[in-house]
Protein backbone atom coordinates (compact mmCIF):
# COMPACT_ATOMS: atom_id res chain seq x y z
CA UNK A 1 3.47 33.49 -18.66
CA UNK A 2 1.62 35.90 -16.36
CA UNK A 3 1.09 34.28 -12.69
CA UNK A 4 -1.43 35.07 -10.29
CA UNK A 5 -0.74 37.09 -6.90
CA UNK A 6 -0.92 33.91 -5.01
CA UNK A 7 1.25 32.04 -7.28
CA UNK A 8 3.91 35.13 -6.94
CA UNK A 9 3.67 35.15 -3.30
CA UNK A 10 4.39 31.50 -3.12
CA UNK A 11 7.49 31.81 -5.25
CA UNK A 12 8.54 34.82 -3.31
CA UNK A 13 8.10 33.66 0.29
CA UNK A 14 9.85 30.52 -0.98
CA UNK A 15 12.98 32.19 -2.97
CA UNK A 16 13.37 35.51 -1.36
CA UNK A 17 14.13 34.57 2.39
CA UNK A 18 16.07 37.63 3.32
CA UNK A 19 13.13 40.26 3.01
CA UNK A 20 9.55 40.40 4.55
CA UNK A 21 7.83 43.03 2.06
CA UNK A 22 6.39 40.52 0.12
CA UNK A 23 3.24 42.25 -1.04
CA UNK A 24 5.54 44.82 -2.44
CA UNK A 25 7.42 42.41 -4.26
CA UNK A 26 4.51 40.82 -5.94
CA UNK A 27 3.74 44.29 -7.19
CA UNK A 28 6.88 44.62 -8.48
CA UNK A 29 6.74 41.30 -10.34
CA UNK A 30 3.22 41.08 -11.53
CA UNK A 31 3.84 42.12 -15.00
CA UNK A 32 7.58 41.05 -15.35
CA UNK A 33 7.49 37.30 -16.02
CA UNK A 34 10.86 37.67 -17.32
CA UNK A 35 12.48 38.22 -13.95
CA UNK A 36 10.30 35.79 -12.30
CA UNK A 37 11.45 32.70 -14.89
CA UNK A 38 15.09 32.50 -13.13
CA UNK A 39 13.46 32.24 -9.87
CA UNK A 40 11.42 29.20 -10.70
CA UNK A 41 14.69 27.41 -11.04
CA UNK A 42 15.27 27.63 -7.23
CA UNK A 43 15.33 24.19 -5.85
CA UNK A 44 13.99 25.44 -2.79
CA UNK A 45 10.67 25.61 -4.63
CA UNK A 46 10.68 21.70 -5.58
CA UNK A 47 11.40 20.76 -1.68
CA UNK A 48 8.67 22.70 -0.45
CA UNK A 49 6.08 21.87 -3.13
CA UNK A 50 6.87 17.86 -2.26
CA UNK A 51 7.30 18.42 1.43
CA UNK A 52 4.17 20.74 2.30
CA UNK A 53 1.00 19.23 1.01
CA UNK A 54 -1.37 21.83 1.84
CA UNK A 55 0.83 24.38 -0.26
CA UNK A 56 -0.88 22.43 -3.12
CA UNK A 57 -4.42 24.44 -2.43
CA UNK A 58 -2.51 27.92 -2.48
CA UNK A 59 -0.84 27.57 -5.90
CA UNK A 60 -2.20 27.05 -9.44
CA UNK A 61 -1.29 23.94 -11.43
CA UNK A 62 0.33 25.94 -14.04
CA UNK A 63 3.04 27.04 -11.58
CA UNK A 64 3.35 23.35 -9.77
CA UNK A 65 3.75 21.62 -13.47
CA UNK A 66 6.17 24.37 -14.98
CA UNK A 67 8.24 24.22 -11.81
CA UNK A 68 8.52 20.53 -11.94
CA UNK A 69 9.27 20.43 -15.12
CA UNK A 70 11.98 23.25 -15.25
CA UNK A 71 13.36 20.97 -12.28
CA UNK A 72 13.17 17.38 -14.40
CA UNK A 73 14.81 19.30 -17.39
CA UNK A 74 17.90 20.30 -14.94
CA UNK A 75 18.03 16.79 -14.17
CA UNK A 76 18.08 15.63 -17.58
CA UNK A 77 21.24 17.61 -18.44
CA UNK A 78 22.73 16.66 -15.02
CA UNK A 79 22.00 12.83 -15.27
CA UNK A 80 21.17 12.01 -18.49
CA UNK A 81 18.45 9.29 -17.82
CA UNK A 82 14.67 9.03 -18.42
CA UNK A 83 12.61 6.13 -17.19
CA UNK A 84 10.61 3.69 -19.22
CA UNK A 85 8.34 1.28 -17.60
CA UNK A 86 8.05 -2.32 -17.85
CA UNK A 87 6.29 -4.74 -16.19
CA UNK A 88 5.46 -2.17 -13.71
CA UNK A 89 8.76 -1.07 -12.87
CA UNK A 90 10.91 1.57 -13.81
CA UNK A 91 13.67 1.08 -16.27
CA UNK A 92 16.48 3.69 -16.43
CA UNK A 93 17.36 4.79 -20.62
CA UNK A 94 20.20 6.52 -21.37
CA UNK A 95 18.19 9.20 -23.41
CA UNK A 96 18.28 12.51 -21.24
CA UNK A 97 20.28 14.52 -23.28
CA UNK A 98 17.64 13.73 -26.42
CA UNK A 99 14.71 14.35 -23.83
CA UNK A 100 16.26 17.64 -22.74
CA UNK A 101 16.79 18.49 -26.82
CA UNK A 102 12.99 17.97 -27.03
CA UNK A 103 11.75 19.92 -23.93
CA UNK A 104 14.09 22.79 -25.33
CA UNK A 105 12.53 22.83 -28.94
CA UNK A 106 10.16 26.17 -29.14
CA UNK A 107 6.79 25.62 -27.91
CA UNK A 108 7.21 21.88 -26.66
CA UNK A 109 8.21 22.62 -22.83
CA UNK A 110 4.95 25.16 -22.73
CA UNK A 111 2.80 22.33 -24.35
CA UNK A 112 3.86 19.99 -21.82
CA UNK A 113 2.18 22.35 -18.99
CA UNK A 114 -0.69 22.61 -20.74
CA UNK A 115 -1.22 19.00 -21.18
CA UNK A 116 -0.57 18.34 -17.64
CA UNK A 117 -3.06 21.10 -16.82
CA UNK A 118 -5.73 20.10 -19.11
CA UNK A 119 -5.90 17.01 -17.46
CA UNK A 120 -6.49 18.38 -13.70
CA UNK A 121 -10.30 18.65 -14.31
CA UNK A 122 -11.63 16.22 -17.09
CA UNK A 123 -15.44 16.80 -18.40
CA UNK A 124 -18.01 14.15 -19.29
CA UNK A 125 -21.30 14.48 -21.05
CA UNK A 126 -23.85 13.25 -23.36
CA UNK A 127 -24.29 13.65 -27.09
CA UNK A 128 -27.21 13.13 -28.91
CA UNK A 129 -28.02 12.49 -32.33
CA UNK A 130 -30.40 11.31 -35.02
CA UNK A 131 -29.86 8.83 -37.20
CA UNK A 132 -32.01 6.48 -39.55
CA UNK A 133 -35.05 8.33 -38.35
CA UNK A 134 -34.26 7.62 -34.45
CA UNK A 135 -32.65 9.91 -31.83
CA UNK A 136 -29.33 8.39 -30.50
CA UNK A 137 -27.40 9.32 -27.77
CA UNK A 138 -23.62 8.58 -26.19
CA UNK A 139 -22.29 9.43 -22.87
CA UNK A 140 -18.13 10.48 -23.34
CA UNK A 141 -15.74 11.36 -21.60
CA UNK A 142 -12.87 13.87 -22.67
CA UNK A 143 -10.41 11.28 -20.76
CA UNK A 144 -11.54 8.11 -22.51
CA UNK A 145 -9.84 7.70 -25.55
CA UNK A 146 -12.49 5.36 -27.26
CA UNK A 147 -15.05 7.86 -26.90
CA UNK A 148 -12.91 10.73 -28.10
CA UNK A 149 -12.41 8.65 -31.25
CA UNK A 150 -16.40 7.94 -31.67
CA UNK A 151 -17.28 11.58 -30.84
CA UNK A 152 -14.76 12.18 -34.05
CA UNK A 153 -17.78 10.57 -36.39
CA UNK A 154 -20.65 12.67 -34.69
CA UNK A 155 -19.19 16.31 -34.16
CA UNK A 156 -18.95 19.07 -37.27
CA UNK A 157 -15.71 18.88 -39.47
CA UNK A 158 -14.65 22.29 -38.01
CA UNK A 159 -14.57 20.79 -34.29
CA UNK A 160 -12.60 17.49 -35.04
CA UNK A 161 -8.99 18.64 -35.07
CA UNK A 162 -9.59 19.49 -31.33
CA UNK A 163 -10.38 16.46 -30.91
CA UNK A 164 -7.75 14.76 -32.82
CA UNK A 165 -5.25 16.51 -30.56
CA UNK A 166 -6.82 15.73 -27.54
CA UNK A 167 -6.79 11.84 -28.59
CA UNK A 168 -3.01 12.37 -28.78
CA UNK A 169 -2.93 13.80 -25.39
CA UNK A 170 -4.88 11.14 -24.06
CA UNK A 171 -2.34 8.64 -25.32
CA UNK A 172 0.08 10.58 -24.12
CA UNK A 173 -0.84 11.26 -20.51
CA UNK A 174 -1.93 7.75 -19.81
CA UNK A 175 1.20 6.09 -21.04
CA UNK A 176 3.46 9.02 -19.38
CA UNK A 177 1.84 9.79 -16.15
CA UNK A 178 -0.11 6.59 -15.54
CA UNK A 179 1.77 3.85 -17.17
CA UNK A 180 0.73 1.16 -14.01
CA UNK A 181 -2.76 2.22 -15.03
CA UNK A 182 -2.08 0.97 -18.44
CA UNK A 183 -0.82 -1.84 -17.31
CA UNK A 184 -3.88 -2.43 -14.85
CA UNK A 185 -6.13 -2.23 -17.84
CA UNK A 186 -4.21 -4.89 -20.00
CA UNK A 187 -4.84 -7.29 -17.25
CA UNK A 188 -8.79 -7.06 -17.15
CA UNK A 189 -8.75 -4.37 -14.01
CA UNK A 190 -10.28 -0.76 -14.59
CA UNK A 191 -11.81 -1.31 -18.19
CA UNK A 192 -13.73 1.73 -18.27
CA UNK A 193 -11.00 3.92 -20.14
CA UNK A 194 -10.10 2.08 -23.22
CA UNK A 195 -9.86 -1.86 -23.38
CA UNK A 196 -7.57 -4.37 -24.76
CA UNK A 197 -4.97 -1.80 -26.09
CA UNK A 198 -1.32 -2.32 -25.36
CA UNK A 199 1.61 0.36 -24.97
CA UNK A 200 2.41 0.13 -28.88
CA UNK A 201 -1.43 0.74 -29.44
CA UNK A 202 -1.37 3.53 -27.52
CA UNK A 203 1.66 4.89 -29.10
CA UNK A 204 0.51 4.30 -32.64
CA UNK A 205 -2.89 6.01 -32.05
CA UNK A 206 -0.85 8.73 -30.34
CA UNK A 207 1.09 9.25 -33.25
CA UNK A 208 -1.60 8.77 -35.87
CA UNK A 209 -3.67 11.58 -34.26
CA UNK A 210 -1.11 13.73 -33.43
CA UNK A 211 -0.37 13.96 -37.07
CA UNK A 212 -3.79 14.53 -38.01
CA UNK A 213 -3.91 17.62 -35.55
CA UNK A 214 -0.86 18.82 -37.07
CA UNK A 215 -2.37 18.80 -40.45
CA UNK A 216 -4.88 21.21 -39.80
CA UNK A 217 -5.02 24.97 -41.02
CA UNK A 218 -6.07 27.71 -38.64
CA UNK A 219 -5.73 26.12 -35.50
CA UNK A 220 -4.41 27.99 -32.10
CA UNK A 221 -1.83 25.54 -31.29
CA UNK A 222 1.77 24.74 -33.19
CA UNK A 223 1.57 22.40 -35.74
CA UNK A 224 5.37 21.88 -35.79
CA UNK A 225 4.82 20.85 -31.97
CA UNK A 226 2.23 18.42 -32.79
CA UNK A 227 4.35 17.26 -35.50
CA UNK A 228 7.59 16.94 -33.27
CA UNK A 229 5.13 14.83 -30.66
CA UNK A 230 4.35 12.37 -33.60
CA UNK A 231 7.79 11.86 -34.32
CA UNK A 232 9.16 11.24 -30.99
CA UNK A 233 6.16 9.99 -28.94
CA UNK A 234 7.90 7.26 -26.96
CA UNK A 235 10.88 10.10 -25.71
CA UNK A 236 7.86 12.46 -24.78
CA UNK A 237 6.36 9.71 -22.84
CA UNK A 238 9.63 8.78 -21.36
CA UNK A 239 9.78 12.48 -20.37
CA UNK A 240 6.47 12.25 -18.51
CA UNK A 241 7.02 8.93 -17.19
CA UNK A 242 10.32 10.13 -15.79
CA UNK A 243 8.24 13.32 -14.38
CA UNK A 244 5.93 10.96 -12.32
CA UNK A 245 8.56 8.59 -10.94
CA UNK A 246 10.52 11.50 -9.72
CA UNK A 247 7.88 14.13 -8.67
CA UNK A 248 4.34 13.59 -9.25
CA UNK A 249 3.92 10.17 -7.65
CA UNK A 250 3.00 11.62 -4.20
CA UNK A 251 0.99 14.52 -5.71
CA UNK A 252 -1.14 12.91 -8.50
CA UNK A 253 -4.05 11.31 -6.77
CA UNK A 254 -4.74 15.07 -5.57
CA UNK A 255 -4.18 16.75 -8.95
CA UNK A 256 -5.33 13.92 -11.68
CA UNK A 257 -8.80 11.80 -10.81
CA UNK A 258 -8.59 8.54 -13.00
CA UNK A 259 -12.18 6.74 -12.65
CA UNK A 260 -12.09 3.20 -11.41
CA UNK A 261 -13.94 0.06 -13.09
């Protein structure tokens, strides 16, 4: 994984405290991600990210989520706990070793990073189509599960695999990073995203659409990873919930925008 100069400088300033030639070190490490990777496990990076809010404007979301997920992977090995949300409260579950094993599967860690980055900036637009001699239109948001399901029926077949994957990602992201938001939806608050779904509904649809995406051929993502997420959706959700509870809560409003009703 290649890093920008600003990302490298942040890592070097935080970890390599006995040297002052940071620009020189950036040049040396620019094309050597294998040398940078061990530095990303330094706990001082997480401490600084959570303590100094202004550093978030200096680094990329990819570096932020990579550092936090690497820290979480260490936590899972050390403590063996993940969190489940129940009635708005985090409940510890002794599934840390299984969660660590899932994160260590080829491509899964990178998929989680990409998923989180994809929700930093969401998109909306309008689709127009002709039906029974009349022009129709529909507004959509790629954070809205109902919208994406509807779009599946309106786009050409070659575009559907991407939307299948996005629907799975929405279900996983909302129930993992914003489980409290899902609870509010069920209570009739903030109904713009998806009305009336229970957590089990989100899981069922997430599994279903990940399986659909995994069956597509010639796509740029790993069908093996998507199939693993379909089969272990609950565990994947608990990984994101644990990440959110431990590290993302103070940062969520800065990085993710969830529209209110």
